[in-house]
Amino acid sequence: MEESIKEKEKECVHIKLVNKGGRPIDFLGYIFNGSSVKIRKTIKNNYIRKRKRYKNNKDKEKIIHLDASFKGWCKWGNGKNLYFKYTNKKMGFIKNGIKPKDKIDAYGKRIFDAKYISISNIVNENIIILDFENNIKTKDNNDKNKCVMLFYDSRGNLCKTITSSSEIISVLEQAKAKGNMFPQDDCIIESYSCGKYNSYRFKE
């Protein structure tokens, strides 16, 4: 009885030394240990052995098929570095320097991923303007030129607002023409009466 208990204790110690995340499980070509998923060694060794056979130019197509198969194993088995080691190819577009462009709408205008706030709610508030996009289309589909502005509010929240104020749009366009003027801090928008409606401009 005591011997069986000691054997179990030794087994537990061995498991802890081998893997802190739990006892490894060998299943469907992968070794699961609770913290990572590794490729079975026999699969890796078979790939290396087969790839060494193909050295001639005639074997290029076979190499492509073999690498594609091994890439599938590496993709789901935390084997990106392993794939690069034997093929000298990086997995994924981003690792190859190819990154997605900014989100754009059907008209080719950038979409700012931020919380929308009405411009009337940030009047007399100190904001930091990060960027803007002019000549955007909105649901009302009128002929007014509209601009979406990306900014940090006074509490540091990332927000956006839409305005048709020609004065605000003019200032933003001039800042863009000068170059490297964003982000621009200590910006305050004020409201003033313009006929029957209120309009907005930057406070001097």
N, C-alpha and C. Protein backbone atom coordinates (compact mmCIF):
# COMPACT_ATOMS: atom_id res chain seq x y z
N MET A 1 0.83 -1.20 0.00
CA MET A 1 0.00 0.00 0.00
C MET A 1 0.87 1.25 0.00
N GLU A 2 1.89 1.24 0.89
CA GLU A 2 2.79 2.39 0.98
C GLU A 2 3.60 2.56 -0.30
N GLU A 3 3.99 1.41 -0.91
CA GLU A 3 4.77 1.48 -2.13
C GLU A 3 3.96 2.10 -3.27
N SER A 4 2.68 1.73 -3.35
CA SER A 4 1.83 2.28 -4.41
C SER A 4 1.64 3.79 -4.23
N ILE A 5 1.54 4.22 -2.97
CA ILE A 5 1.39 5.65 -2.68
C ILE A 5 2.66 6.40 -3.10
N LYS A 6 3.84 5.82 -2.79
CA LYS A 6 5.10 6.46 -3.16
C LYS A 6 5.25 6.55 -4.67
N GLU A 7 4.83 5.48 -5.37
CA GLU A 7 4.91 5.50 -6.83
C GLU A 7 4.04 6.60 -7.42
N LYS A 8 2.85 6.77 -6.85
CA LYS A 8 1.97 7.83 -7.32
C LYS A 8 2.56 9.20 -7.04
N GLU A 9 3.21 9.35 -5.87
CA GLU A 9 3.86 10.62 -5.54
C GLU A 9 4.98 10.93 -6.52
N LYS A 10 5.78 9.91 -6.87
CA LYS A 10 6.87 10.09 -7.83
C LYS A 10 6.31 10.50 -9.19
N GLU A 11 5.20 9.86 -9.57
CA GLU A 11 4.57 10.18 -10.85
C GLU A 11 4.09 11.62 -10.88
N CYS A 12 3.51 12.07 -9.78
CA CYS A 12 3.03 13.45 -9.68
C CYS A 12 4.18 14.43 -9.78
N VAL A 13 5.28 14.13 -9.09
CA VAL A 13 6.46 15.00 -9.12
C VAL A 13 7.01 15.08 -10.54
N HIS A 14 7.05 13.93 -11.23
CA HIS A 14 7.54 13.88 -12.59
C HIS A 14 6.68 14.74 -13.52
N ILE A 15 5.38 14.67 -13.35
CA ILE A 15 4.46 15.46 -14.16
C ILE A 15 4.68 16.95 -13.92
N LYS A 16 4.87 17.35 -12.66
CA LYS A 16 5.09 18.75 -12.34
C LYS A 16 6.39 19.26 -12.94
N LEU A 17 7.40 18.41 -12.94
CA LEU A 17 8.68 18.81 -13.50
C LEU A 17 8.61 18.94 -15.02
N VAL A 18 7.86 18.01 -15.63
CA VAL A 18 7.75 18.03 -17.08
C VAL A 18 6.86 19.18 -17.54
N ASN A 19 5.77 19.40 -16.84
CA ASN A 19 4.80 20.38 -17.27
C ASN A 19 4.06 20.96 -16.08
N LYS A 20 4.13 22.26 -15.92
CA LYS A 20 3.46 22.91 -14.82
C LYS A 20 1.97 23.05 -15.08
N GLY A 21 1.56 22.99 -16.36
CA GLY A 21 0.16 23.20 -16.69
C GLY A 21 -0.71 21.98 -16.54
N GLY A 22 -0.15 20.80 -16.33
CA GLY A 22 -0.94 19.58 -16.23
C GLY A 22 -0.29 18.45 -16.99
N ARG A 23 -0.88 17.27 -16.92
CA ARG A 23 -0.32 16.10 -17.58
C ARG A 23 -0.52 16.19 -19.09
N PRO A 24 0.55 16.02 -19.87
CA PRO A 24 0.43 16.13 -21.34
C PRO A 24 -0.51 15.08 -21.91
N ILE A 25 -1.23 15.48 -22.97
CA ILE A 25 -2.15 14.57 -23.67
C ILE A 25 -1.73 14.51 -25.13
N ASP A 26 -1.49 13.30 -25.62
CA ASP A 26 -1.13 13.09 -27.03
C ASP A 26 -2.40 12.73 -27.78
N PHE A 27 -2.85 13.65 -28.67
CA PHE A 27 -4.14 13.44 -29.33
C PHE A 27 -4.11 14.07 -30.73
N LEU A 28 -4.41 13.28 -31.75
CA LEU A 28 -4.55 13.74 -33.13
C LEU A 28 -3.30 14.46 -33.64
N GLY A 29 -2.13 13.97 -33.24
CA GLY A 29 -0.89 14.54 -33.76
C GLY A 29 -0.35 15.71 -32.97
N TYR A 30 -1.02 16.08 -31.88
CA TYR A 30 -0.58 17.21 -31.07
C TYR A 30 -0.39 16.77 -29.62
N ILE A 31 0.49 17.50 -28.93
CA ILE A 31 0.71 17.28 -27.50
C ILE A 31 0.12 18.46 -26.74
N PHE A 32 -0.95 18.20 -26.02
CA PHE A 32 -1.62 19.24 -25.24
C PHE A 32 -1.12 19.16 -23.79
N ASN A 33 -0.62 20.28 -23.28
CA ASN A 33 -0.14 20.27 -21.89
C ASN A 33 -0.79 21.33 -21.02
N GLY A 34 -1.87 21.91 -21.48
CA GLY A 34 -2.60 22.88 -20.67
C GLY A 34 -2.19 24.31 -20.92
N SER A 35 -0.95 24.54 -21.35
CA SER A 35 -0.49 25.90 -21.60
C SER A 35 -0.08 26.12 -23.06
N SER A 36 0.15 25.04 -23.79
CA SER A 36 0.52 25.15 -25.20
C SER A 36 0.14 23.88 -25.95
N VAL A 37 0.19 23.97 -27.28
CA VAL A 37 -0.11 22.82 -28.13
C VAL A 37 1.09 22.61 -29.05
N LYS A 38 1.77 21.49 -28.88
CA LYS A 38 2.96 21.22 -29.67
C LYS A 38 2.69 20.09 -30.67
N ILE A 39 3.46 20.12 -31.75
CA ILE A 39 3.32 19.09 -32.78
C ILE A 39 4.06 17.83 -32.34
N ARG A 40 3.47 16.69 -32.62
CA ARG A 40 4.12 15.42 -32.30
C ARG A 40 5.47 15.32 -33.04
N LYS A 41 6.48 14.83 -32.34
CA LYS A 41 7.84 14.77 -32.90
C LYS A 41 7.92 13.92 -34.17
N THR A 42 7.15 12.84 -34.21
CA THR A 42 7.20 11.97 -35.39
C THR A 42 6.74 12.71 -36.65
N ILE A 43 5.78 13.60 -36.51
CA ILE A 43 5.30 14.39 -37.65
C ILE A 43 6.39 15.34 -38.13
N LYS A 44 7.04 15.99 -37.17
CA LYS A 44 8.13 16.91 -37.53
C LYS A 44 9.28 16.15 -38.19
N ASN A 45 9.66 15.03 -37.62
CA ASN A 45 10.79 14.25 -38.17
C ASN A 45 10.48 13.71 -39.56
N ASN A 46 9.25 13.26 -39.78
CA ASN A 46 8.85 12.78 -41.10
C ASN A 46 8.92 13.89 -42.14
N TYR A 47 8.50 15.09 -41.73
CA TYR A 47 8.57 16.23 -42.64
C TYR A 47 10.02 16.56 -43.02
N ILE A 48 10.89 16.59 -42.01
CA ILE A 48 12.31 16.91 -42.26
C ILE A 48 12.94 15.87 -43.17
N ARG A 49 12.64 14.61 -42.93
CA ARG A 49 13.21 13.53 -43.73
C ARG A 49 12.75 13.61 -45.19
N LYS A 50 11.47 13.87 -45.39
CA LYS A 50 10.94 13.94 -46.76
C LYS A 50 11.48 15.17 -47.49
N ARG A 51 11.61 16.26 -46.77
CA ARG A 51 12.07 17.49 -47.43
C ARG A 51 13.52 17.38 -47.89
N LYS A 52 14.32 16.62 -47.16
CA LYS A 52 15.71 16.43 -47.55
C LYS A 52 15.84 15.66 -48.86
N ARG A 53 14.83 14.84 -49.17
CA ARG A 53 14.86 14.07 -50.41
C ARG A 53 14.72 14.97 -51.64
N TYR A 54 13.92 16.03 -51.48
CA TYR A 54 13.61 16.88 -52.62
C TYR A 54 14.62 18.01 -52.73
N LYS A 55 15.54 17.88 -53.65
CA LYS A 55 16.59 18.88 -53.83
C LYS A 55 16.64 19.40 -55.27
N ASN A 56 16.15 18.61 -56.22
CA ASN A 56 16.21 19.00 -57.62
C ASN A 56 15.09 19.99 -57.97
N ASN A 57 15.28 20.69 -59.08
CA ASN A 57 14.26 21.63 -59.54
C ASN A 57 12.96 20.92 -59.90
N LYS A 58 13.07 19.65 -60.28
CA LYS A 58 11.88 18.88 -60.64
C LYS A 58 10.98 18.64 -59.44
N ASP A 59 11.54 18.75 -58.24
CA ASP A 59 10.79 18.45 -57.02
C ASP A 59 10.14 19.69 -56.40
N LYS A 60 10.14 20.83 -57.10
CA LYS A 60 9.60 22.06 -56.53
C LYS A 60 8.13 21.91 -56.16
N GLU A 61 7.38 21.28 -57.04
CA GLU A 61 5.95 21.10 -56.78
C GLU A 61 5.73 20.22 -55.55
N LYS A 62 6.55 19.19 -55.39
CA LYS A 62 6.44 18.32 -54.22
C LYS A 62 6.78 19.08 -52.94
N ILE A 63 7.79 19.96 -53.02
CA ILE A 63 8.18 20.75 -51.86
C ILE A 63 7.04 21.69 -51.45
N ILE A 64 6.40 22.30 -52.45
CA ILE A 64 5.27 23.22 -52.17
C ILE A 64 4.15 22.48 -51.44
N HIS A 65 3.82 21.28 -51.93
CA HIS A 65 2.76 20.49 -51.30
C HIS A 65 3.15 20.05 -49.89
N LEU A 66 4.41 19.66 -49.74
CA LEU A 66 4.89 19.21 -48.43
C LEU A 66 4.90 20.35 -47.42
N ASP A 67 5.37 21.52 -47.87
CA ASP A 67 5.40 22.69 -46.97
C ASP A 67 3.99 23.13 -46.59
N ALA A 68 3.08 23.03 -47.54
CA ALA A 68 1.69 23.43 -47.27
C ALA A 68 1.07 22.52 -46.21
N SER A 69 1.37 21.22 -46.31
CA SER A 69 0.86 20.28 -45.33
C SER A 69 1.45 20.56 -43.94
N PHE A 70 2.76 20.81 -43.91
CA PHE A 70 3.43 21.10 -42.63
C PHE A 70 2.95 22.42 -42.05
N LYS A 71 2.64 23.36 -42.91
CA LYS A 71 2.14 24.66 -42.45
C LYS A 71 0.81 24.50 -41.72
N GLY A 72 -0.02 23.58 -42.23
CA GLY A 72 -1.30 23.31 -41.56
C GLY A 72 -1.11 22.77 -40.16
N TRP A 73 -0.14 21.87 -40.00
CA TRP A 73 0.16 21.34 -38.66
C TRP A 73 0.66 22.46 -37.75
N CYS A 74 1.57 23.29 -38.27
CA CYS A 74 2.18 24.35 -37.46
C CYS A 74 1.18 25.44 -37.08
N LYS A 75 0.24 25.70 -37.98
CA LYS A 75 -0.74 26.76 -37.74
C LYS A 75 -1.56 26.51 -36.49
N TRP A 76 -1.94 25.26 -36.29
CA TRP A 76 -2.81 24.94 -35.14
C TRP A 76 -2.03 24.37 -33.97
N GLY A 77 -0.73 24.33 -34.08
CA GLY A 77 0.07 23.74 -33.01
C GLY A 77 1.15 24.62 -32.45
N ASN A 78 0.95 25.94 -32.43
CA ASN A 78 1.96 26.87 -31.89
C ASN A 78 3.32 26.62 -32.54
N GLY A 79 3.32 26.40 -33.86
CA GLY A 79 4.56 26.04 -34.53
C GLY A 79 5.01 27.04 -35.58
N LYS A 80 4.70 28.30 -35.40
CA LYS A 80 5.09 29.32 -36.38
C LYS A 80 6.60 29.44 -36.48
N ASN A 81 7.26 29.43 -35.34
CA ASN A 81 8.73 29.50 -35.35
C ASN A 81 9.35 28.24 -35.94
N LEU A 82 8.72 27.10 -35.69
CA LEU A 82 9.19 25.83 -36.25
C LEU A 82 9.08 25.84 -37.77
N TYR A 83 7.98 26.37 -38.27
CA TYR A 83 7.78 26.44 -39.72
C TYR A 83 8.83 27.35 -40.36
N PHE A 84 9.12 28.47 -39.72
CA PHE A 84 10.12 29.40 -40.24
C PHE A 84 11.52 28.78 -40.21
N LYS A 85 11.78 27.98 -39.20
CA LYS A 85 13.11 27.36 -39.04
C LYS A 85 13.45 26.46 -40.21
N TYR A 86 12.48 25.68 -40.69
CA TYR A 86 12.77 24.68 -41.73
C TYR A 86 12.40 25.15 -43.14
N THR A 87 11.62 26.20 -43.26
CA THR A 87 11.23 26.67 -44.60
C THR A 87 11.74 28.06 -44.91
N ASN A 88 12.16 28.79 -43.87
CA ASN A 88 12.60 30.18 -44.01
C ASN A 88 11.47 31.08 -44.54
N LYS A 89 10.25 30.70 -44.20
CA LYS A 89 9.07 31.47 -44.59
C LYS A 89 8.30 31.85 -43.33
N LYS A 90 7.83 33.08 -43.29
CA LYS A 90 7.06 33.55 -42.14
C LYS A 90 5.58 33.30 -42.39
N MET A 91 4.89 32.85 -41.34
CA MET A 91 3.47 32.59 -41.44
C MET A 91 2.69 33.86 -41.12
N GLY A 92 1.70 34.17 -41.94
CA GLY A 92 0.83 35.31 -41.68
C GLY A 92 1.24 36.54 -42.47
N PHE A 93 0.27 37.32 -42.93
CA PHE A 93 0.55 38.52 -43.71
C PHE A 93 1.21 39.61 -42.87
N ILE A 94 0.76 39.77 -41.63
CA ILE A 94 1.28 40.85 -40.78
C ILE A 94 2.76 40.66 -40.51
N LYS A 95 3.19 39.39 -40.28
CA LYS A 95 4.60 39.13 -40.04
C LYS A 95 5.45 39.37 -41.27
N ASN A 96 4.81 39.43 -42.44
CA ASN A 96 5.51 39.73 -43.68
C ASN A 96 5.43 41.21 -44.03
N GLY A 97 4.95 42.00 -43.08
CA GLY A 97 4.89 43.44 -43.30
C GLY A 97 3.65 43.91 -44.03
N ILE A 98 2.67 43.03 -44.25
CA ILE A 98 1.42 43.40 -44.92
C ILE A 98 0.35 43.60 -43.86
N LYS A 99 -0.12 44.82 -43.73
CA LYS A 99 -1.11 45.15 -42.70
C LYS A 99 -2.37 45.70 -43.35
N PRO A 100 -3.50 45.51 -42.67
CA PRO A 100 -4.75 46.03 -43.24
C PRO A 100 -4.77 47.55 -43.27
N LYS A 101 -5.43 48.11 -44.29
CA LYS A 101 -5.57 49.55 -44.36
C LYS A 101 -6.65 50.01 -43.39
N ASP A 102 -6.78 51.33 -43.28
CA ASP A 102 -7.83 51.88 -42.42
C ASP A 102 -9.20 51.42 -42.92
N LYS A 103 -10.15 51.33 -42.00
CA LYS A 103 -11.51 50.99 -42.38
C LYS A 103 -12.08 52.10 -43.25
N ILE A 104 -12.68 51.73 -44.37
CA ILE A 104 -13.25 52.73 -45.27
C ILE A 104 -14.69 52.35 -45.60
N ASP A 105 -15.50 53.38 -45.94
CA ASP A 105 -16.88 53.13 -46.30
C ASP A 105 -17.01 52.92 -47.81
N ALA A 106 -18.23 52.85 -48.29
CA ALA A 106 -18.47 52.58 -49.71
C ALA A 106 -18.00 53.72 -50.61
N TYR A 107 -17.76 54.89 -50.02
CA TYR A 107 -17.32 56.05 -50.80
C TYR A 107 -15.81 56.29 -50.67
N GLY A 108 -15.12 55.37 -50.01
CA GLY A 108 -13.68 55.49 -49.88
C GLY A 108 -13.23 56.39 -48.74
N LYS A 109 -14.14 56.74 -47.84
CA LYS A 109 -13.81 57.60 -46.71
C LYS A 109 -13.49 56.74 -45.49
N ARG A 110 -12.52 57.18 -44.70
CA ARG A 110 -12.12 56.43 -43.52
C ARG A 110 -13.23 56.39 -42.47
N ILE A 111 -13.31 55.26 -41.78
CA ILE A 111 -14.28 55.09 -40.69
C ILE A 111 -13.50 55.07 -39.37
N PHE A 112 -13.80 56.01 -38.49
CA PHE A 112 -13.14 56.08 -37.19
C PHE A 112 -13.91 55.22 -36.19
N ASP A 113 -13.21 54.26 -35.61
CA ASP A 113 -13.82 53.34 -34.65
C ASP A 113 -13.77 53.97 -33.26
N ALA A 114 -14.77 54.78 -32.97
CA ALA A 114 -14.82 55.50 -31.69
C ALA A 114 -16.28 55.81 -31.36
N LYS A 115 -16.51 56.17 -30.12
CA LYS A 115 -17.86 56.51 -29.66
C LYS A 115 -18.31 57.83 -30.26
N TYR A 116 -19.55 57.85 -30.78
CA TYR A 116 -20.08 59.09 -31.38
C TYR A 116 -20.67 59.98 -30.30
N ILE A 117 -20.34 61.28 -30.37
CA ILE A 117 -20.88 62.29 -29.46
C ILE A 117 -21.34 63.48 -30.29
N SER A 118 -22.50 63.99 -30.01
CA SER A 118 -22.99 65.18 -30.69
C SER A 118 -22.07 66.36 -30.38
N ILE A 119 -21.84 67.20 -31.36
CA ILE A 119 -20.93 68.32 -31.16
C ILE A 119 -21.44 69.29 -30.09
N SER A 120 -22.75 69.31 -29.90
CA SER A 120 -23.32 70.20 -28.88
C SER A 120 -22.93 69.77 -27.47
N ASN A 121 -22.54 68.50 -27.31
CA ASN A 121 -22.17 67.99 -25.98
C ASN A 121 -20.71 68.26 -25.62
N ILE A 122 -19.94 68.80 -26.55
CA ILE A 122 -18.52 69.09 -26.23
C ILE A 122 -18.22 70.58 -26.34
N VAL A 123 -19.28 71.42 -26.36
CA VAL A 123 -19.09 72.86 -26.40
C VAL A 123 -18.39 73.33 -25.13
N ASN A 124 -17.39 74.19 -25.28
CA ASN A 124 -16.60 74.75 -24.17
C ASN A 124 -15.81 73.69 -23.40
N GLU A 125 -15.58 72.54 -24.04
CA GLU A 125 -14.81 71.48 -23.42
C GLU A 125 -13.43 71.41 -24.08
N ASN A 126 -12.41 71.22 -23.28
CA ASN A 126 -11.04 71.14 -23.80
C ASN A 126 -10.81 69.75 -24.39
N ILE A 127 -10.58 69.69 -25.69
CA ILE A 127 -10.40 68.41 -26.37
C ILE A 127 -9.07 68.36 -27.11
N ILE A 128 -8.66 67.15 -27.47
CA ILE A 128 -7.44 66.94 -28.26
C ILE A 128 -7.87 66.33 -29.60
N ILE A 129 -7.68 67.06 -30.68
CA ILE A 129 -8.08 66.60 -32.00
C ILE A 129 -6.98 65.73 -32.59
N LEU A 130 -7.36 64.51 -32.99
CA LEU A 130 -6.40 63.55 -33.52
C LEU A 130 -6.38 63.50 -35.04
N ASP A 131 -7.57 63.55 -35.66
CA ASP A 131 -7.65 63.41 -37.11
C ASP A 131 -9.06 63.79 -37.55
N PHE A 132 -9.26 63.88 -38.86
CA PHE A 132 -10.60 64.18 -39.39
C PHE A 132 -10.71 63.63 -40.81
N GLU A 133 -11.93 63.51 -41.27
CA GLU A 133 -12.22 63.08 -42.64
C GLU A 133 -13.32 63.96 -43.19
N ASN A 134 -13.05 64.61 -44.31
CA ASN A 134 -13.98 65.58 -44.87
C ASN A 134 -14.82 64.95 -45.98
N ASN A 135 -15.89 65.64 -46.35
CA ASN A 135 -16.79 65.23 -47.44
C ASN A 135 -17.35 63.82 -47.23
N ILE A 136 -17.87 63.58 -46.05
CA ILE A 136 -18.44 62.26 -45.75
C ILE A 136 -19.93 62.26 -46.08
N LYS A 137 -20.48 61.06 -46.26
CA LYS A 137 -21.90 60.89 -46.52
C LYS A 137 -22.60 60.43 -45.24
N THR A 138 -23.79 61.01 -44.98
CA THR A 138 -24.56 60.63 -43.80
C THR A 138 -25.95 60.18 -44.22
N LYS A 139 -26.73 59.71 -43.25
CA LYS A 139 -28.06 59.16 -43.53
C LYS A 139 -29.02 60.20 -44.10
N ASP A 140 -28.91 61.47 -43.66
CA ASP A 140 -29.85 62.48 -44.16
C ASP A 140 -29.61 62.82 -45.63
N ASN A 141 -28.37 62.53 -46.11
CA ASN A 141 -28.06 62.63 -47.54
C ASN A 141 -28.40 64.01 -48.12
N ASN A 142 -28.07 65.08 -47.38
CA ASN A 142 -28.29 66.43 -47.93
C ASN A 142 -27.03 66.92 -48.64
N ASP A 143 -27.08 68.14 -49.14
CA ASP A 143 -25.98 68.66 -49.95
C ASP A 143 -24.90 69.35 -49.12
N LYS A 144 -25.08 69.40 -47.81
CA LYS A 144 -24.09 70.06 -46.96
C LYS A 144 -22.81 69.24 -46.87
N ASN A 145 -21.69 69.94 -46.92
CA ASN A 145 -20.40 69.26 -46.71
C ASN A 145 -20.27 68.93 -45.23
N LYS A 146 -20.00 67.67 -44.92
CA LYS A 146 -19.88 67.27 -43.52
C LYS A 146 -18.52 66.64 -43.26
N CYS A 147 -18.10 66.74 -42.02
CA CYS A 147 -16.77 66.29 -41.62
C CYS A 147 -16.91 65.48 -40.33
N VAL A 148 -16.19 64.35 -40.25
CA VAL A 148 -16.14 63.59 -39.01
C VAL A 148 -14.78 63.85 -38.36
N MET A 149 -14.80 64.16 -37.08
CA MET A 149 -13.59 64.54 -36.36
C MET A 149 -13.32 63.55 -35.23
N LEU A 150 -12.11 63.04 -35.16
CA LEU A 150 -11.69 62.09 -34.12
C LEU A 150 -10.93 62.86 -33.05
N PHE A 151 -11.28 62.62 -31.77
CA PHE A 151 -10.65 63.42 -30.70
C PHE A 151 -10.72 62.69 -29.36
N TYR A 152 -9.95 63.18 -28.42
CA TYR A 152 -10.04 62.77 -27.01
C TYR A 152 -10.81 63.85 -26.28
N ASP A 153 -11.82 63.44 -25.49
CA ASP A 153 -12.54 64.44 -24.71
C ASP A 153 -11.76 64.79 -23.45
N SER A 154 -12.33 65.63 -22.62
CA SER A 154 -11.61 66.11 -21.43
C SER A 154 -11.35 65.01 -20.41
N ARG A 155 -12.05 63.87 -20.54
CA ARG A 155 -11.85 62.74 -19.62
C ARG A 155 -10.94 61.68 -20.23
N GLY A 156 -10.42 61.95 -21.42
CA GLY A 156 -9.48 61.02 -22.05
C GLY A 156 -10.14 59.91 -22.85
N ASN A 157 -11.45 60.05 -23.13
CA ASN A 157 -12.16 59.03 -23.91
C ASN A 157 -12.01 59.32 -25.41
N LEU A 158 -11.81 58.25 -26.19
CA LEU A 158 -11.71 58.39 -27.64
C LEU A 158 -13.11 58.54 -28.22
N CYS A 159 -13.35 59.65 -28.92
CA CYS A 159 -14.69 59.95 -29.43
C CYS A 159 -14.60 60.49 -30.86
N LYS A 160 -15.76 60.59 -31.47
CA LYS A 160 -15.86 61.24 -32.78
C LYS A 160 -17.14 62.04 -32.83
N THR A 161 -17.14 63.06 -33.66
CA THR A 161 -18.34 63.87 -33.85
C THR A 161 -18.42 64.27 -35.31
N ILE A 162 -19.62 64.63 -35.75
CA ILE A 162 -19.83 65.04 -37.14
C ILE A 162 -20.34 66.47 -37.15
N THR A 163 -19.78 67.28 -38.03
CA THR A 163 -20.19 68.68 -38.12
C THR A 163 -20.23 69.13 -39.57
N SER A 164 -21.12 70.10 -39.83
CA SER A 164 -21.17 70.73 -41.15
C SER A 164 -20.73 72.18 -41.06
N SER A 165 -20.15 72.56 -39.91
CA SER A 165 -19.69 73.93 -39.72
C SER A 165 -18.55 74.23 -40.69
N SER A 166 -18.78 75.20 -41.57
CA SER A 166 -17.76 75.56 -42.56
C SER A 166 -16.52 76.15 -41.88
N GLU A 167 -16.72 76.80 -40.73
CA GLU A 167 -15.59 77.41 -40.02
C GLU A 167 -14.66 76.34 -39.43
N ILE A 168 -15.25 75.31 -38.82
CA ILE A 168 -14.44 74.23 -38.25
C ILE A 168 -13.74 73.46 -39.37
N ILE A 169 -14.48 73.15 -40.43
CA ILE A 169 -13.90 72.40 -41.55
C ILE A 169 -12.76 73.17 -42.19
N SER A 170 -12.93 74.48 -42.33
CA SER A 170 -11.88 75.32 -42.93
C SER A 170 -10.60 75.28 -42.10
N VAL A 171 -10.74 75.38 -40.77
CA VAL A 171 -9.56 75.36 -39.89
C VAL A 171 -8.85 74.01 -39.97
N LEU A 172 -9.63 72.92 -39.97
CA LEU A 172 -9.04 71.58 -40.05
C LEU A 172 -8.30 71.37 -41.37
N GLU A 173 -8.89 71.85 -42.46
CA GLU A 173 -8.26 71.71 -43.78
C GLU A 173 -6.96 72.51 -43.85
N GLN A 174 -6.95 73.70 -43.27
CA GLN A 174 -5.73 74.51 -43.26
C GLN A 174 -4.64 73.87 -42.42
N ALA A 175 -5.05 73.26 -41.30
CA ALA A 175 -4.07 72.57 -40.45
C ALA A 175 -3.47 71.37 -41.18
N LYS A 176 -4.31 70.68 -41.94
CA LYS A 176 -3.84 69.52 -42.71
C LYS A 176 -2.88 69.96 -43.80
N ALA A 177 -3.16 71.10 -44.43
CA ALA A 177 -2.30 71.60 -45.51
C ALA A 177 -0.91 71.97 -45.00
N LYS A 178 -0.85 72.46 -43.76
CA LYS A 178 0.45 72.82 -43.19
C LYS A 178 1.27 71.59 -42.83
N GLY A 179 0.58 70.48 -42.55
CA GLY A 179 1.26 69.22 -42.26
C GLY A 179 1.71 69.08 -40.83
N ASN A 180 1.58 67.84 -40.31
CA ASN A 180 2.06 67.48 -38.98
C ASN A 180 1.51 68.39 -37.88
N MET A 181 0.24 68.72 -37.95
CA MET A 181 -0.38 69.55 -36.90
C MET A 181 -1.33 68.75 -36.01
N PHE A 182 -1.38 67.44 -36.25
CA PHE A 182 -2.23 66.59 -35.41
C PHE A 182 -1.36 65.54 -34.73
N PRO A 183 -1.63 65.23 -33.46
CA PRO A 183 -2.74 65.73 -32.64
C PRO A 183 -2.55 67.18 -32.21
N GLN A 184 -3.67 67.86 -32.03
CA GLN A 184 -3.70 69.26 -31.62
C GLN A 184 -4.49 69.38 -30.32
N ASP A 185 -3.79 69.77 -29.24
CA ASP A 185 -4.47 69.84 -27.94
C ASP A 185 -4.97 71.26 -27.65
N ASP A 186 -5.63 71.38 -26.51
CA ASP A 186 -6.20 72.66 -26.05
C ASP A 186 -7.14 73.28 -27.08
N CYS A 187 -7.96 72.44 -27.71
CA CYS A 187 -8.94 72.92 -28.67
C CYS A 187 -10.30 73.04 -27.98
N ILE A 188 -10.95 74.17 -28.17
CA ILE A 188 -12.25 74.41 -27.56
C ILE A 188 -13.23 74.84 -28.64
N ILE A 189 -14.37 74.19 -28.69
CA ILE A 189 -15.42 74.54 -29.65
C ILE A 189 -16.49 75.35 -28.94
N GLU A 190 -16.89 76.45 -29.57
CA GLU A 190 -17.95 77.28 -29.00
C GLU A 190 -19.14 77.34 -29.93
N SER A 191 -20.29 77.62 -29.36
CA SER A 191 -21.53 77.72 -30.11
C SER A 191 -21.92 79.20 -30.24
N TYR A 192 -22.46 79.58 -31.41
CA TYR A 192 -22.91 80.96 -31.59
C TYR A 192 -24.16 80.94 -32.46
N SER A 193 -24.95 81.99 -32.35
CA SER A 193 -26.21 82.07 -33.08
C SER A 193 -25.95 82.46 -34.54
N CYS A 194 -26.58 81.71 -35.43
CA CYS A 194 -26.43 81.98 -36.87
C CYS A 194 -27.82 81.91 -37.50
N GLY A 195 -28.53 83.02 -37.42
CA GLY A 195 -29.91 83.06 -37.90
C GLY A 195 -30.82 82.29 -36.96
N LYS A 196 -31.58 81.35 -37.50
CA LYS A 196 -32.49 80.56 -36.68
C LYS A 196 -31.77 79.43 -35.95
N TYR A 197 -30.56 79.09 -36.37
CA TYR A 197 -29.88 77.92 -35.83
C TYR A 197 -28.58 78.32 -35.13
N ASN A 198 -28.06 77.38 -34.37
CA ASN A 198 -26.75 77.56 -33.76
C ASN A 198 -25.69 76.95 -34.66
N SER A 199 -24.54 77.59 -34.71
CA SER A 199 -23.41 77.04 -35.46
C SER A 199 -22.24 76.91 -34.52
N TYR A 200 -21.17 76.34 -35.02
CA TYR A 200 -20.02 76.06 -34.14
C TYR A 200 -18.73 76.50 -34.80
N ARG A 201 -17.76 76.85 -33.97
CA ARG A 201 -16.43 77.26 -34.44
C ARG A 201 -15.43 77.04 -33.31
N PHE A 202 -14.16 77.11 -33.67
CA PHE A 202 -13.11 77.00 -32.65
C PHE A 202 -12.98 78.33 -31.91
N LYS A 203 -12.89 78.22 -30.60
CA LYS A 203 -12.74 79.42 -29.77
C LYS A 203 -11.30 79.92 -29.86
N GLU A 204 -11.15 81.20 -30.09
CA GLU A 204 -9.82 81.80 -30.22
C GLU A 204 -9.17 81.97 -28.84
